Amino acid sequence: MQTSKAIPLPRLNGIAPTVESTALKLMEEAGELGAAISRLKGLPGIQPKDGATQEDLVLDVARELLDVAQTAITMMFVLEEQYNLNIESVLAEHLAKLRRKGYLV
């Protein structure tokens, strides 16, 4: 069983994100992920494109999930650059919390 996944996502060029703009973008991308999941699961309200296969729908979910992840990474860059946040320290704290809760061994 794989115990972790590392997906290197880059710092984006040509944009000047702020905490506010990135938070709004994160919510937008999360909504698009929700819509993709709704299409995959056949929930009412959002219909898949004609001829879309289950594989197409799963790929859409994965693509939207990566959009969410990229936006979250962008927010981390913003916090590091604009507020001098040490993300490695916060990550260590997060992992310790997961261990305390029993999610990690």
C-alpha atoms as a PDB file:
ATOM      1  CA  MET A   1       0.000   0.000   0.000  1.00  0.00           C
ATOM      2  CA  GLN A   2       1.322   3.416  -0.966  1.00  0.00           C
ATOM      3  CA  THR A   3       1.663   5.602   2.133  1.00  0.00           C
ATOM      4  CA  SER A   4       2.112   9.015   0.550  1.00  0.00           C
ATOM      5  CA  LYS A   5       1.848  10.780  -2.757  1.00  0.00           C
ATOM      6  CA  ALA A   6       4.054  13.627  -3.886  1.00  0.00           C
ATOM      7  CA  ILE A   7       2.830  15.712  -6.775  1.00  0.00           C
ATOM      8  CA  PRO A   8       5.195  18.620  -7.443  1.00  0.00           C
ATOM      9  CA  LEU A   9       3.138  21.637  -8.406  1.00  0.00           C
ATOM     10  CA  PRO A  10       4.965  24.764  -9.570  1.00  0.00           C
ATOM     11  CA  ARG A  11       4.809  28.369  -8.535  1.00  0.00           C
ATOM     12  CA  LEU A  12       2.815  29.980 -11.331  1.00  0.00           C
ATOM     13  CA  ASN A  13       4.281  32.785 -13.411  1.00  0.00           C
ATOM     14  CA  GLY A  14       2.508  35.823 -14.787  1.00  0.00           C
ATOM     15  CA  ILE A  15       0.023  36.175 -11.948  1.00  0.00           C
ATOM     16  CA  ALA A  16       0.009  38.361  -8.851  1.00  0.00           C
ATOM     17  CA  PRO A  17      -2.203  36.431  -6.437  1.00  0.00           C
ATOM     18  CA  THR A  18      -3.340  37.789  -3.116  1.00  0.00           C
ATOM     19  CA  VAL A  19      -4.772  35.882  -0.192  1.00  0.00           C
ATOM     20  CA  GLU A  20      -8.240  37.115  -1.151  1.00  0.00           C
ATOM     21  CA  SER A  21      -8.002  36.353  -4.878  1.00  0.00           C
ATOM     22  CA  THR A  22      -6.536  32.923  -4.194  1.00  0.00           C
ATOM     23  CA  ALA A  23      -9.208  32.087  -1.623  1.00  0.00           C
ATOM     24  CA  LEU A  24     -11.915  33.018  -4.133  1.00  0.00           C
ATOM     25  CA  LYS A  25     -10.200  30.937  -6.829  1.00  0.00           C
ATOM     26  CA  LEU A  26      -9.964  28.002  -4.416  1.00  0.00           C
ATOM     27  CA  MET A  27     -13.718  28.178  -3.793  1.00  0.00           C
ATOM     28  CA  GLU A  28     -14.384  28.372  -7.536  1.00  0.00           C
ATOM     29  CA  GLU A  29     -12.209  25.330  -8.205  1.00  0.00           C
ATOM     30  CA  ALA A  30     -13.809  23.416  -5.322  1.00  0.00           C
ATOM     31  CA  GLY A  31     -17.216  24.117  -6.887  1.00  0.00           C
ATOM     32  CA  GLU A  32     -15.996  22.790 -10.230  1.00  0.00           C
ATOM     33  CA  LEU A  33     -14.691  19.672  -8.456  1.00  0.00           C
ATOM     34  CA  GLY A  34     -18.083  19.201  -6.832  1.00  0.00           C
ATOM     35  CA  ALA A  35     -19.794  19.491 -10.218  1.00  0.00           C
ATOM     36  CA  ALA A  36     -17.424  16.930 -11.739  1.00  0.00           C
ATOM     37  CA  ILE A  37     -18.125  14.523  -8.876  1.00  0.00           C
ATOM     38  CA  SER A  38     -21.867  15.078  -9.341  1.00  0.00           C
ATOM     39  CA  ARG A  39     -21.550  14.173 -13.022  1.00  0.00           C
ATOM     40  CA  LEU A  40     -19.499  11.077 -12.181  1.00  0.00           C
ATOM     41  CA  LYS A  41     -22.033   9.900  -9.606  1.00  0.00           C
ATOM     42  CA  GLY A  42     -25.044  10.779 -11.760  1.00  0.00           C
ATOM     43  CA  LEU A  43     -26.472  13.199  -9.223  1.00  0.00           C
ATOM     44  CA  PRO A  44     -29.309  15.423 -10.400  1.00  0.00           C
ATOM     45  CA  GLY A  45     -28.697  18.947 -11.617  1.00  0.00           C
ATOM     46  CA  ILE A  46     -25.533  18.614 -13.661  1.00  0.00           C
ATOM     47  CA  GLN A  47     -25.553  16.359 -16.683  1.00  0.00           C
ATOM     48  CA  PRO A  48     -22.441  14.926 -18.322  1.00  0.00           C
ATOM     49  CA  LYS A  49     -21.653  15.768 -21.936  1.00  0.00           C
ATOM     50  CA  ASP A  50     -23.312  13.474 -24.435  1.00  0.00           C
ATOM     51  CA  GLY A  51     -21.194  10.391 -25.018  1.00  0.00           C
ATOM     52  CA  ALA A  52     -19.036  10.913 -21.906  1.00  0.00           C
ATOM     53  CA  THR A  53     -17.765   7.594 -20.606  1.00  0.00           C
ATOM     54  CA  GLN A  54     -17.076   6.789 -16.967  1.00  0.00           C
ATOM     55  CA  GLU A  55     -13.376   7.107 -17.769  1.00  0.00           C
ATOM     56  CA  ASP A  56     -14.006  10.627 -19.134  1.00  0.00           C
ATOM     57  CA  LEU A  57     -15.877  11.542 -15.964  1.00  0.00           C
ATOM     58  CA  VAL A  58     -13.143  10.170 -13.683  1.00  0.00           C
ATOM     59  CA  LEU A  59     -10.554  12.137 -15.672  1.00  0.00           C
ATOM     60  CA  ASP A  60     -12.636  15.287 -15.224  1.00  0.00           C
ATOM     61  CA  VAL A  61     -12.669  14.708 -11.449  1.00  0.00           C
ATOM     62  CA  ALA A  62      -8.890  14.223 -11.432  1.00  0.00           C
ATOM     63  CA  ARG A  63      -8.335  17.366 -13.514  1.00  0.00           C
ATOM     64  CA  GLU A  64     -10.538  19.455 -11.260  1.00  0.00           C
ATOM     65  CA  LEU A  65      -8.832  18.007  -8.185  1.00  0.00           C
ATOM     66  CA  LEU A  66      -5.470  19.077  -9.594  1.00  0.00           C
ATOM     67  CA  ASP A  67      -6.885  22.572 -10.174  1.00  0.00           C
ATOM     68  CA  VAL A  68      -7.854  22.653  -6.470  1.00  0.00           C
ATOM     69  CA  ALA A  69      -4.401  21.391  -5.467  1.00  0.00           C
ATOM     70  CA  GLN A  70      -2.625  23.925  -7.700  1.00  0.00           C
ATOM     71  CA  THR A  71      -4.662  26.749  -6.222  1.00  0.00           C
ATOM     72  CA  ALA A  72      -3.909  25.531  -2.690  1.00  0.00           C
ATOM     73  CA  ILE A  73      -0.201  25.446  -3.553  1.00  0.00           C
ATOM     74  CA  THR A  74      -0.499  28.975  -4.930  1.00  0.00           C
ATOM     75  CA  MET A  75      -1.989  30.035  -1.586  1.00  0.00           C
ATOM     76  CA  MET A  76       1.004  28.492   0.198  1.00  0.00           C
ATOM     77  CA  PHE A  77       3.387  30.482  -2.018  1.00  0.00           C
ATOM     78  CA  VAL A  78       1.392  33.643  -1.249  1.00  0.00           C
ATOM     79  CA  LEU A  79       1.601  33.004   2.509  1.00  0.00           C
ATOM     80  CA  GLU A  80       5.320  32.273   2.310  1.00  0.00           C
ATOM     81  CA  GLU A  81       6.140  35.292   0.173  1.00  0.00           C
ATOM     82  CA  GLN A  82       3.797  37.917   1.604  1.00  0.00           C
ATOM     83  CA  TYR A  83       3.771  36.846   5.260  1.00  0.00           C
ATOM     84  CA  ASN A  84       7.101  35.015   5.660  1.00  0.00           C
ATOM     85  CA  LEU A  85       5.306  31.815   6.660  1.00  0.00           C
ATOM     86  CA  ASN A  86       7.575  28.801   7.141  1.00  0.00           C
ATOM     87  CA  ILE A  87       5.409  26.208   5.386  1.00  0.00           C
ATOM     88  CA  GLU A  88       7.726  23.339   6.383  1.00  0.00           C
ATOM     89  CA  SER A  89       7.091  24.161  10.036  1.00  0.00           C
ATOM     90  CA  VAL A  90       3.341  24.294   9.482  1.00  0.00           C
ATOM     91  CA  LEU A  91       3.511  21.001   7.564  1.00  0.00           C
ATOM     92  CA  ALA A  92       5.368  19.340  10.459  1.00  0.00           C
ATOM     93  CA  GLU A  93       2.674  20.628  12.833  1.00  0.00           C
ATOM     94  CA  HIS A  94      -0.040  19.276  10.504  1.00  0.00           C
ATOM     95  CA  LEU A  95       1.578  15.833  10.319  1.00  0.00           C
ATOM     96  CA  ALA A  96       1.925  15.749  14.117  1.00  0.00           C
ATOM     97  CA  LYS A  97      -1.796  16.526  14.407  1.00  0.00           C
ATOM     98  CA  LEU A  98      -2.631  13.678  12.021  1.00  0.00           C
ATOM     99  CA  ARG A  99      -0.497  11.305  14.127  1.00  0.00           C
ATOM    100  CA  ARG A 100      -2.227  12.420  17.350  1.00  0.00           C
ATOM    101  CA  LYS A 101      -5.604  11.725  15.748  1.00  0.00           C
ATOM    102  CA  GLY A 102      -4.454   8.267  14.676  1.00  0.00           C
ATOM    103  CA  TYR A 103      -4.553   8.975  10.940  1.00  0.00           C
ATOM    104  CA  LEU A 104      -0.802   8.332  10.605  1.00  0.00           C
ATOM    105  CA  VAL A 105       1.277   5.720  12.317  1.00  0.00           C
END
